[in-house]
Amino acid sequence: MTIQKVFPAVTATEGAGVRIFRAIGNQYIRHLDPFLLLDHFDNANAQDYLAGFPSHPHRGFITFTYMLDGLMEHQDSMGHRGVIGPGDAQWMKAAHGVIHSEMPQQIDGRMRGFQLWINLPASEKLSTPEYQELQAAEFPVVEHIGASIKVLVGRYTDADGQTTTGPIMDSHNSVAYLDIRLQPSASFKLKLNEAQAGFVFNYAGHLRSSEHAIPARNIALLDTGETTVQAGPEGANFIVATGTRIGEPIVQHGPFVMNTREEIMQAMQDYRDGNLTGTVSA
């Protein structure tokens, strides 16, 4: 069996009242080393997203935000400020600490996308923060027999052995992150080695493997080996992420993810004292 289990995303509220669908970081999947959290936001009602995500801190991990629809403005204590729109993404290595905000830049229409939290090894948790913001056109797209594969992070190697590299490379966990669109009844092969963890999150249409149905807003946990997923008669859109397991203790308190309780207490103290990194500029 190459898909372990399939779970529905859980409705939750984040930020100042944004309605999201949480696929990792809930009662079904606490963590999936090296992945800490996966949130899918998909709202056409402005009241579900307008409050946004005001200034808040992070320490000890990476956030990757990928927009499908809508406009989101980012500001942070490193001095970065920008707006990402459909197909754009941002990669933020919070590491030692970042304070940032993510606020919608629209008053109506659909807001849709993902945020993935990726853990950092202990040796990197207090390293210097980094930030990348990329536009949709910077991500390569591979077309292959009924499938369109957008390579956002890491590398994708097709059945012919051709490798396509995305503009973001994760040197810590060798993460690969793909956005895949399958035409009706088309299929796609996935492969995972023993050192990796990975998942498929179906966000539109219907998807299945030989063992499991994967409805929209469901996450499928990948097992070691190769599996094939196939779209239903209406096609399917889904993301795939894989990464090398870190295998270290995870102690999390809200936006701080460290290896010990003492390190969490220090992060909280640093934030209270204004020593995390600083404050978001107006």
C-alpha atoms as a PDB file:
ATOM      1  CA  MET A   1       0.000   0.000   0.000  1.00  0.00           C
ATOM      2  CA  THR A   2       1.472   3.380  -0.969  1.00  0.00           C
ATOM      3  CA  ILE A   3      -1.100   5.708   0.584  1.00  0.00           C
ATOM      4  CA  GLN A   4      -1.307   5.235   4.325  1.00  0.00           C
ATOM      5  CA  LYS A   5      -4.511   7.094   5.165  1.00  0.00           C
ATOM      6  CA  VAL A   6      -6.801   9.847   3.925  1.00  0.00           C
ATOM      7  CA  PHE A   7      -8.136  12.552   6.257  1.00  0.00           C
ATOM      8  CA  PRO A   8     -10.460  15.526   5.736  1.00  0.00           C
ATOM      9  CA  ALA A   9      -9.145  19.018   6.430  1.00  0.00           C
ATOM     10  CA  VAL A  10     -10.669  20.545   9.554  1.00  0.00           C
ATOM     11  CA  THR A  11     -12.401  23.918   9.538  1.00  0.00           C
ATOM     12  CA  ALA A  12     -10.660  26.388  11.845  1.00  0.00           C
ATOM     13  CA  THR A  13     -10.199  30.110  12.430  1.00  0.00           C
ATOM     14  CA  GLU A  14      -6.787  31.786  12.278  1.00  0.00           C
ATOM     15  CA  GLY A  15      -5.352  35.297  12.397  1.00  0.00           C
ATOM     16  CA  ALA A  16      -7.989  37.893  13.272  1.00  0.00           C
ATOM     17  CA  GLY A  17     -10.832  35.608  12.206  1.00  0.00           C
ATOM     18  CA  VAL A  18      -9.933  34.077   8.846  1.00  0.00           C
ATOM     19  CA  ARG A  19     -11.764  30.831   8.096  1.00  0.00           C
ATOM     20  CA  ILE A  20      -9.340  28.158   6.901  1.00  0.00           C
ATOM     21  CA  PHE A  21      -9.209  24.401   6.315  1.00  0.00           C
ATOM     22  CA  ARG A  22      -6.392  22.795   8.327  1.00  0.00           C
ATOM     23  CA  ALA A  23      -4.978  19.560   6.907  1.00  0.00           C
ATOM     24  CA  ILE A  24      -1.825  19.211   9.060  1.00  0.00           C
ATOM     25  CA  GLY A  25      -1.679  20.484  12.621  1.00  0.00           C
ATOM     26  CA  ASN A  26      -5.087  19.152  13.667  1.00  0.00           C
ATOM     27  CA  GLN A  27      -6.463  16.244  15.707  1.00  0.00           C
ATOM     28  CA  TYR A  28      -5.838  13.790  12.858  1.00  0.00           C
ATOM     29  CA  ILE A  29      -2.278  14.768  11.913  1.00  0.00           C
ATOM     30  CA  ARG A  30      -0.345  16.667  14.573  1.00  0.00           C
ATOM     31  CA  HIS A  31       2.879  16.809  12.536  1.00  0.00           C
ATOM     32  CA  LEU A  32       4.256  15.031   9.475  1.00  0.00           C
ATOM     33  CA  ASP A  33       8.010  15.502   9.930  1.00  0.00           C
ATOM     34  CA  PRO A  34       9.329  17.787   8.469  1.00  0.00           C
ATOM     35  CA  PHE A  35       5.897  19.401   7.897  1.00  0.00           C
ATOM     36  CA  LEU A  36       4.287  21.130  10.867  1.00  0.00           C
ATOM     37  CA  LEU A  37       1.116  22.662   9.439  1.00  0.00           C
ATOM     38  CA  LEU A  38      -0.843  22.884   6.198  1.00  0.00           C
ATOM     39  CA  ASP A  39      -3.649  25.430   5.914  1.00  0.00           C
ATOM     40  CA  HIS A  40      -5.861  25.827   2.858  1.00  0.00           C
ATOM     41  CA  PHE A  41      -7.826  29.067   2.616  1.00  0.00           C
ATOM     42  CA  ASP A  42     -10.686  29.157   0.129  1.00  0.00           C
ATOM     43  CA  ASN A  43     -13.237  31.890   0.705  1.00  0.00           C
ATOM     44  CA  ALA A  44     -15.512  33.782  -1.662  1.00  0.00           C
ATOM     45  CA  ASN A  45     -17.187  35.628   1.224  1.00  0.00           C
ATOM     46  CA  ALA A  46     -15.038  38.632   2.149  1.00  0.00           C
ATOM     47  CA  GLN A  47     -16.173  38.427   5.771  1.00  0.00           C
ATOM     48  CA  ASP A  48     -14.296  35.119   6.013  1.00  0.00           C
ATOM     49  CA  TYR A  49     -10.924  36.675   5.136  1.00  0.00           C
ATOM     50  CA  LEU A  50     -10.911  40.495   5.392  1.00  0.00           C
ATOM     51  CA  ALA A  51      -9.576  40.548   8.980  1.00  0.00           C
ATOM     52  CA  GLY A  52      -6.403  38.879   7.705  1.00  0.00           C
ATOM     53  CA  PHE A  53      -3.367  37.960   9.761  1.00  0.00           C
ATOM     54  CA  PRO A  54      -2.127  41.039  11.686  1.00  0.00           C
ATOM     55  CA  SER A  55       1.417  41.249  13.087  1.00  0.00           C
ATOM     56  CA  HIS A  56       2.555  38.016  14.725  1.00  0.00           C
ATOM     57  CA  PRO A  57       5.912  36.324  15.425  1.00  0.00           C
ATOM     58  CA  HIS A  58       7.544  33.123  14.174  1.00  0.00           C
ATOM     59  CA  ARG A  59      10.663  31.299  15.306  1.00  0.00           C
ATOM     60  CA  GLY A  60      12.239  27.964  14.405  1.00  0.00           C
ATOM     61  CA  PHE A  61      10.716  27.055  11.024  1.00  0.00           C
ATOM     62  CA  ILE A  62       9.916  28.081   7.437  1.00  0.00           C
ATOM     63  CA  THR A  63       6.589  29.295   6.073  1.00  0.00           C
ATOM     64  CA  PHE A  64       5.674  28.871   2.410  1.00  0.00           C
ATOM     65  CA  THR A  65       2.605  30.737   1.170  1.00  0.00           C
ATOM     66  CA  TYR A  66       1.189  29.993  -2.283  1.00  0.00           C
ATOM     67  CA  MET A  67      -1.705  31.994  -3.757  1.00  0.00           C
ATOM     68  CA  LEU A  68      -4.244  30.601  -6.207  1.00  0.00           C
ATOM     69  CA  ASP A  69      -6.705  33.526  -6.203  1.00  0.00           C
ATOM     70  CA  GLY A  70      -6.766  36.944  -4.568  1.00  0.00           C
ATOM     71  CA  LEU A  71      -4.179  39.429  -3.343  1.00  0.00           C
ATOM     72  CA  MET A  72      -2.262  39.306  -0.053  1.00  0.00           C
ATOM     73  CA  GLU A  73       0.120  41.968   1.273  1.00  0.00           C
ATOM     74  CA  HIS A  74       3.130  40.892   3.323  1.00  0.00           C
ATOM     75  CA  GLN A  75       5.163  43.085   5.718  1.00  0.00           C
ATOM     76  CA  ASP A  76       7.892  41.914   8.060  1.00  0.00           C
ATOM     77  CA  SER A  77      10.520  43.015  10.561  1.00  0.00           C
ATOM     78  CA  MET A  78      13.287  42.347   8.025  1.00  0.00           C
ATOM     79  CA  GLY A  79      11.943  45.292   6.012  1.00  0.00           C
ATOM     80  CA  HIS A  80      10.207  43.322   3.266  1.00  0.00           C
ATOM     81  CA  ARG A  81       6.880  44.488   1.900  1.00  0.00           C
ATOM     82  CA  GLY A  82       5.009  43.272  -1.142  1.00  0.00           C
ATOM     83  CA  VAL A  83       1.777  41.920  -2.573  1.00  0.00           C
ATOM     84  CA  ILE A  84       1.429  38.400  -3.930  1.00  0.00           C
ATOM     85  CA  GLY A  85      -1.390  37.501  -6.295  1.00  0.00           C
ATOM     86  CA  PRO A  86      -2.652  34.492  -8.272  1.00  0.00           C
ATOM     87  CA  GLY A  87       0.148  31.990  -8.857  1.00  0.00           C
ATOM     88  CA  ASP A  88       2.671  33.919  -6.728  1.00  0.00           C
ATOM     89  CA  ALA A  89       4.419  32.617  -3.612  1.00  0.00           C
ATOM     90  CA  GLN A  90       6.622  33.633  -0.700  1.00  0.00           C
ATOM     91  CA  TRP A  91       9.227  31.579   1.170  1.00  0.00           C
ATOM     92  CA  MET A  92      10.109  32.890   4.642  1.00  0.00           C
ATOM     93  CA  LYS A  93      12.760  31.221   6.770  1.00  0.00           C
ATOM     94  CA  ALA A  94      11.809  32.646  10.164  1.00  0.00           C
ATOM     95  CA  ALA A  95      14.707  30.865  11.928  1.00  0.00           C
ATOM     96  CA  HIS A  96      15.858  33.133  14.826  1.00  0.00           C
ATOM     97  CA  GLY A  97      12.705  35.183  14.534  1.00  0.00           C
ATOM     98  CA  VAL A  98      10.486  37.282  12.272  1.00  0.00           C
ATOM     99  CA  ILE A  99       7.450  39.402  13.046  1.00  0.00           C
ATOM    100  CA  HIS A 100       5.169  39.761  10.057  1.00  0.00           C
ATOM    101  CA  SER A 101       1.641  40.386   8.861  1.00  0.00           C
ATOM    102  CA  GLU A 102      -0.376  39.068   5.919  1.00  0.00           C
ATOM    103  CA  MET A 103      -3.381  41.204   5.008  1.00  0.00           C
ATOM    104  CA  PRO A 104      -5.827  40.813   2.087  1.00  0.00           C
ATOM    105  CA  GLN A 105      -5.644  43.579  -0.521  1.00  0.00           C
ATOM    106  CA  GLN A 106      -9.204  43.214  -1.810  1.00  0.00           C
ATOM    107  CA  ILE A 107     -12.689  43.827  -0.451  1.00  0.00           C
ATOM    108  CA  ASP A 108     -14.529  41.190  -2.461  1.00  0.00           C
ATOM    109  CA  GLY A 109     -13.899  38.180  -4.687  1.00  0.00           C
ATOM    110  CA  ARG A 110     -12.316  34.837  -3.968  1.00  0.00           C
ATOM    111  CA  MET A 111      -9.285  34.395  -1.698  1.00  0.00           C
ATOM    112  CA  ARG A 112      -7.663  30.995  -2.169  1.00  0.00           C
ATOM    113  CA  GLY A 113      -4.271  29.442  -1.476  1.00  0.00           C
ATOM    114  CA  PHE A 114      -2.087  27.539   0.964  1.00  0.00           C
ATOM    115  CA  GLN A 115       0.361  28.032   3.785  1.00  0.00           C
ATOM    116  CA  LEU A 116       2.782  25.244   4.668  1.00  0.00           C
ATOM    117  CA  TRP A 117       5.032  25.282   7.757  1.00  0.00           C
ATOM    118  CA  ILE A 118       8.303  23.376   7.356  1.00  0.00           C
ATOM    119  CA  ASN A 119      10.417  22.545  10.390  1.00  0.00           C
ATOM    120  CA  LEU A 120      14.098  23.446  10.669  1.00  0.00           C
ATOM    121  CA  PRO A 121      16.775  21.216  12.220  1.00  0.00           C
ATOM    122  CA  ALA A 122      18.105  22.324  15.606  1.00  0.00           C
ATOM    123  CA  SER A 123      21.284  23.647  14.003  1.00  0.00           C
ATOM    124  CA  GLU A 124      19.234  26.138  11.932  1.00  0.00           C
ATOM    125  CA  LYS A 125      16.524  27.246  14.349  1.00  0.00           C
ATOM    126  CA  LEU A 126      18.432  30.341  15.500  1.00  0.00           C
ATOM    127  CA  SER A 127      20.102  31.132  12.178  1.00  0.00           C
ATOM    128  CA  THR A 128      19.592  34.356  10.219  1.00  0.00           C
ATOM    129  CA  PRO A 129      16.076  34.805   8.758  1.00  0.00           C
ATOM    130  CA  GLU A 130      15.661  34.813   4.968  1.00  0.00           C
ATOM    131  CA  TYR A 131      12.879  35.798   2.587  1.00  0.00           C
ATOM    132  CA  GLN A 132      12.002  35.163  -1.070  1.00  0.00           C
ATOM    133  CA  GLU A 133       9.008  36.499  -2.993  1.00  0.00           C
ATOM    134  CA  LEU A 134       8.317  35.042  -6.440  1.00  0.00           C
ATOM    135  CA  GLN A 135       5.888  35.814  -9.221  1.00  0.00           C
ATOM    136  CA  ALA A 136       3.819  33.201 -11.068  1.00  0.00           C
ATOM    137  CA  ALA A 137       5.917  33.445 -14.235  1.00  0.00           C
ATOM    138  CA  GLU A 138       9.063  32.393 -12.344  1.00  0.00           C
ATOM    139  CA  PHE A 139       7.764  28.876 -11.681  1.00  0.00           C
ATOM    140  CA  PRO A 140       8.370  26.319 -14.449  1.00  0.00           C
ATOM    141  CA  VAL A 141       5.445  24.218 -15.660  1.00  0.00           C
ATOM    142  CA  VAL A 142       5.901  20.742 -17.145  1.00  0.00           C
ATOM    143  CA  GLU A 143       3.189  19.380 -19.466  1.00  0.00           C
ATOM    144  CA  HIS A 144       3.062  15.598 -19.635  1.00  0.00           C
ATOM    145  CA  ILE A 145       0.247  13.308 -20.893  1.00  0.00           C
ATOM    146  CA  GLY A 146      -2.813  14.938 -19.368  1.00  0.00           C
ATOM    147  CA  ALA A 147      -0.905  16.486 -16.481  1.00  0.00           C
ATOM    148  CA  SER A 148       0.323  20.022 -15.861  1.00  0.00           C
ATOM    149  CA  ILE A 149       3.000  20.114 -13.141  1.00  0.00           C
ATOM    150  CA  LYS A 150       4.037  23.458 -11.647  1.00  0.00           C
ATOM    151  CA  VAL A 151       7.359  23.150  -9.806  1.00  0.00           C
ATOM    152  CA  LEU A 152       7.407  25.631  -6.930  1.00  0.00           C
ATOM    153  CA  VAL A 153      10.050  24.198  -4.591  1.00  0.00           C
ATOM    154  CA  GLY A 154      12.793  21.669  -5.247  1.00  0.00           C
ATOM    155  CA  ARG A 155      12.981  19.335  -8.226  1.00  0.00           C
ATOM    156  CA  TYR A 156      10.619  17.230 -10.309  1.00  0.00           C
ATOM    157  CA  THR A 157      11.877  14.324 -12.425  1.00  0.00           C
ATOM    158  CA  ASP A 158       9.488  12.949 -15.033  1.00  0.00           C
ATOM    159  CA  ALA A 159       9.116   9.390 -16.293  1.00  0.00           C
ATOM    160  CA  ASP A 160      11.720  10.060 -19.009  1.00  0.00           C
ATOM    161  CA  GLY A 161      14.318  11.110 -16.443  1.00  0.00           C
ATOM    162  CA  GLN A 162      14.126  14.824 -17.272  1.00  0.00           C
ATOM    163  CA  THR A 163      14.532  16.991 -14.181  1.00  0.00           C
ATOM    164  CA  THR A 164      12.923  20.413 -13.751  1.00  0.00           C
ATOM    165  CA  THR A 165      14.143  22.643 -10.925  1.00  0.00           C
ATOM    166  CA  GLY A 166      11.963  25.230  -9.208  1.00  0.00           C
ATOM    167  CA  PRO A 167      13.242  28.685  -8.177  1.00  0.00           C
ATOM    168  CA  ILE A 168      13.193  27.818  -4.454  1.00  0.00           C
ATOM    169  CA  MET A 169      15.592  25.223  -3.083  1.00  0.00           C
ATOM    170  CA  ASP A 170      15.384  23.896   0.471  1.00  0.00           C
ATOM    171  CA  SER A 171      18.887  22.917   1.554  1.00  0.00           C
ATOM    172  CA  HIS A 172      17.765  21.639   4.960  1.00  0.00           C
ATOM    173  CA  ASN A 173      14.963  19.141   4.210  1.00  0.00           C
ATOM    174  CA  SER A 174      15.152  18.725   0.400  1.00  0.00           C
ATOM    175  CA  VAL A 175      11.497  19.715   0.147  1.00  0.00           C
ATOM    176  CA  ALA A 176       9.712  19.393  -3.191  1.00  0.00           C
ATOM    177  CA  TYR A 177       6.368  21.165  -3.633  1.00  0.00           C
ATOM    178  CA  LEU A 178       4.306  20.710  -6.799  1.00  0.00           C
ATOM    179  CA  ASP A 179       0.927  22.043  -7.946  1.00  0.00           C
ATOM    180  CA  ILE A 180      -0.590  19.482 -10.319  1.00  0.00           C
ATOM    181  CA  ARG A 181      -3.614  19.676 -12.596  1.00  0.00           C
ATOM    182  CA  LEU A 182      -4.915  16.477 -14.141  1.00  0.00           C
ATOM    183  CA  GLN A 183      -7.274  16.325 -17.054  1.00  0.00           C
ATOM    184  CA  PRO A 184     -10.322  14.023 -16.698  1.00  0.00           C
ATOM    185  CA  SER A 185      -9.248  10.416 -16.030  1.00  0.00           C
ATOM    186  CA  ALA A 186      -5.529  11.296 -16.379  1.00  0.00           C
ATOM    187  CA  SER A 187      -3.052   9.796 -13.901  1.00  0.00           C
ATOM    188  CA  PHE A 188       0.160  10.815 -12.148  1.00  0.00           C
ATOM    189  CA  LYS A 189       2.872   8.717 -10.473  1.00  0.00           C
ATOM    190  CA  LEU A 190       4.352   9.580  -7.090  1.00  0.00           C
ATOM    191  CA  LYS A 191       7.446   8.115  -5.479  1.00  0.00           C
ATOM    192  CA  LEU A 192       8.732   8.355  -1.913  1.00  0.00           C
ATOM    193  CA  ASN A 193      11.933   6.935  -0.450  1.00  0.00           C
ATOM    194  CA  GLU A 194      12.408   5.599   3.083  1.00  0.00           C
ATOM    195  CA  ALA A 195      13.958   8.808   4.425  1.00  0.00           C
ATOM    196  CA  GLN A 196      11.049  10.978   3.292  1.00  0.00           C
ATOM    197  CA  ALA A 197       7.549  11.911   4.334  1.00  0.00           C
ATOM    198  CA  GLY A 198       5.004  13.288   1.913  1.00  0.00           C
ATOM    199  CA  PHE A 199       1.375  14.051   1.197  1.00  0.00           C
ATOM    200  CA  VAL A 200      -1.168  14.820  -1.502  1.00  0.00           C
ATOM    201  CA  PHE A 201      -3.796  17.472  -0.813  1.00  0.00           C
ATOM    202  CA  ASN A 202      -6.662  17.515  -3.306  1.00  0.00           C
ATOM    203  CA  TYR A 203      -8.184  20.981  -3.564  1.00  0.00           C
ATOM    204  CA  ALA A 204     -10.518  20.637  -6.559  1.00  0.00           C
ATOM    205  CA  GLY A 205     -12.192  17.777  -8.386  1.00  0.00           C
ATOM    206  CA  HIS A 206     -11.873  14.140  -7.411  1.00  0.00           C
ATOM    207  CA  LEU A 207      -8.765  11.985  -7.087  1.00  0.00           C
ATOM    208  CA  ARG A 208      -8.126   8.390  -6.191  1.00  0.00           C
ATOM    209  CA  SER A 209      -5.434   5.753  -5.888  1.00  0.00           C
ATOM    210  CA  SER A 210      -5.928   2.027  -6.222  1.00  0.00           C
ATOM    211  CA  GLU A 211      -6.668   1.847  -2.470  1.00  0.00           C
ATOM    212  CA  HIS A 212      -8.316   5.143  -1.570  1.00  0.00           C
ATOM    213  CA  ALA A 213     -10.666   7.839  -2.781  1.00  0.00           C
ATOM    214  CA  ILE A 214      -9.247  11.322  -2.130  1.00  0.00           C
ATOM    215  CA  PRO A 215     -12.119  13.829  -2.272  1.00  0.00           C
ATOM    216  CA  ALA A 216     -11.583  17.589  -2.458  1.00  0.00           C
ATOM    217  CA  ARG A 217     -10.218  19.132   0.772  1.00  0.00           C
ATOM    218  CA  ASN A 218      -8.747  15.809   1.847  1.00  0.00           C
ATOM    219  CA  ILE A 219      -5.106  14.963   2.511  1.00  0.00           C
ATOM    220  CA  ALA A 220      -3.543  11.599   1.659  1.00  0.00           C
ATOM    221  CA  LEU A 221      -0.390  10.547   3.524  1.00  0.00           C
ATOM    222  CA  LEU A 222       2.133   8.852   1.271  1.00  0.00           C
ATOM    223  CA  ASP A 223       3.921   5.635   2.181  1.00  0.00           C
ATOM    224  CA  THR A 224       7.336   4.518   0.946  1.00  0.00           C
ATOM    225  CA  GLY A 225       7.353   3.362  -2.661  1.00  0.00           C
ATOM    226  CA  GLU A 226       5.495   4.320  -5.812  1.00  0.00           C
ATOM    227  CA  THR A 227       1.822   5.021  -6.239  1.00  0.00           C
ATOM    228  CA  THR A 228      -0.425   6.283  -9.013  1.00  0.00           C
ATOM    229  CA  VAL A 229      -3.283   8.719  -8.499  1.00  0.00           C
ATOM    230  CA  GLN A 230      -5.995   9.225 -11.104  1.00  0.00           C
ATOM    231  CA  ALA A 231      -8.434  12.081 -11.656  1.00  0.00           C
ATOM    232  CA  GLY A 232     -12.164  11.592 -11.862  1.00  0.00           C
ATOM    233  CA  PRO A 233     -14.308  12.551 -14.868  1.00  0.00           C
ATOM    234  CA  GLU A 234     -14.089  16.275 -13.980  1.00  0.00           C
ATOM    235  CA  GLY A 235     -10.309  16.275 -13.519  1.00  0.00           C
ATOM    236  CA  ALA A 236      -8.447  17.192 -10.335  1.00  0.00           C
ATOM    237  CA  ASN A 237      -6.148  19.878  -8.921  1.00  0.00           C
ATOM    238  CA  PHE A 238      -3.846  18.966  -6.054  1.00  0.00           C
ATOM    239  CA  ILE A 239      -0.572  19.784  -4.368  1.00  0.00           C
ATOM    240  CA  VAL A 240       2.150  17.279  -3.550  1.00  0.00           C
ATOM    241  CA  ALA A 241       4.886  17.929  -0.984  1.00  0.00           C
ATOM    242  CA  THR A 242       7.731  15.647   0.062  1.00  0.00           C
ATOM    243  CA  GLY A 243      10.666  16.233   2.379  1.00  0.00           C
ATOM    244  CA  THR A 244      13.405  14.461   4.330  1.00  0.00           C
ATOM    245  CA  ARG A 245      12.499  13.705   7.932  1.00  0.00           C
ATOM    246  CA  ILE A 246      14.512  15.576  10.573  1.00  0.00           C
ATOM    247  CA  GLY A 247      13.890  13.079  13.376  1.00  0.00           C
ATOM    248  CA  GLU A 248      14.307  15.563  16.248  1.00  0.00           C
ATOM    249  CA  PRO A 249      11.942  16.414  19.124  1.00  0.00           C
ATOM    250  CA  ILE A 250       9.246  18.951  18.248  1.00  0.00           C
ATOM    251  CA  VAL A 251       8.034  21.312  20.958  1.00  0.00           C
ATOM    252  CA  GLN A 252       5.516  23.840  19.683  1.00  0.00           C
ATOM    253  CA  HIS A 253       3.787  26.745  21.352  1.00  0.00           C
ATOM    254  CA  GLY A 254       1.708  28.634  18.806  1.00  0.00           C
ATOM    255  CA  PRO A 255       4.103  30.389  16.389  1.00  0.00           C
ATOM    256  CA  PHE A 256       7.264  29.078  18.068  1.00  0.00           C
ATOM    257  CA  VAL A 257       8.645  25.627  17.176  1.00  0.00           C
ATOM    258  CA  MET A 258      11.781  24.481  18.971  1.00  0.00           C
ATOM    259  CA  ASN A 259      13.304  21.255  20.364  1.00  0.00           C
ATOM    260  CA  THR A 260      12.840  21.794  24.117  1.00  0.00           C
ATOM    261  CA  ARG A 261      10.417  23.513  26.471  1.00  0.00           C
ATOM    262  CA  GLU A 262      13.254  25.720  27.697  1.00  0.00           C
ATOM    263  CA  GLU A 263      13.840  26.989  24.153  1.00  0.00           C
ATOM    264  CA  ILE A 264      10.136  27.808  23.842  1.00  0.00           C
ATOM    265  CA  MET A 265      10.252  29.765  27.099  1.00  0.00           C
ATOM    266  CA  GLN A 266      13.260  31.690  25.778  1.00  0.00           C
ATOM    267  CA  ALA A 267      11.441  32.488  22.526  1.00  0.00           C
ATOM    268  CA  MET A 268       8.468  33.838  24.473  1.00  0.00           C
ATOM    269  CA  GLN A 269      10.771  35.914  26.665  1.00  0.00           C
ATOM    270  CA  ASP A 270      12.629  37.275  23.633  1.00  0.00           C
ATOM    271  CA  TYR A 271       9.321  38.286  22.079  1.00  0.00           C
ATOM    272  CA  ARG A 272       8.119  40.000  25.262  1.00  0.00           C
ATOM    273  CA  ASP A 273      11.451  41.841  25.579  1.00  0.00           C
ATOM    274  CA  GLY A 274      11.426  42.973  21.947  1.00  0.00           C
ATOM    275  CA  ASN A 275      14.479  40.864  21.185  1.00  0.00           C
ATOM    276  CA  LEU A 276      12.955  38.472  18.677  1.00  0.00           C
ATOM    277  CA  THR A 277      13.804  40.648  15.675  1.00  0.00           C
ATOM    278  CA  GLY A 278      11.879  43.891  15.943  1.00  0.00           C
ATOM    279  CA  THR A 279       8.477  45.116  14.848  1.00  0.00           C
ATOM    280  CA  VAL A 280       6.710  45.289  11.514  1.00  0.00           C
ATOM    281  CA  SER A 281       7.146  48.698   9.923  1.00  0.00           C
ATOM    282  CA  ALA A 282       4.021  50.658   9.083  1.00  0.00           C
END
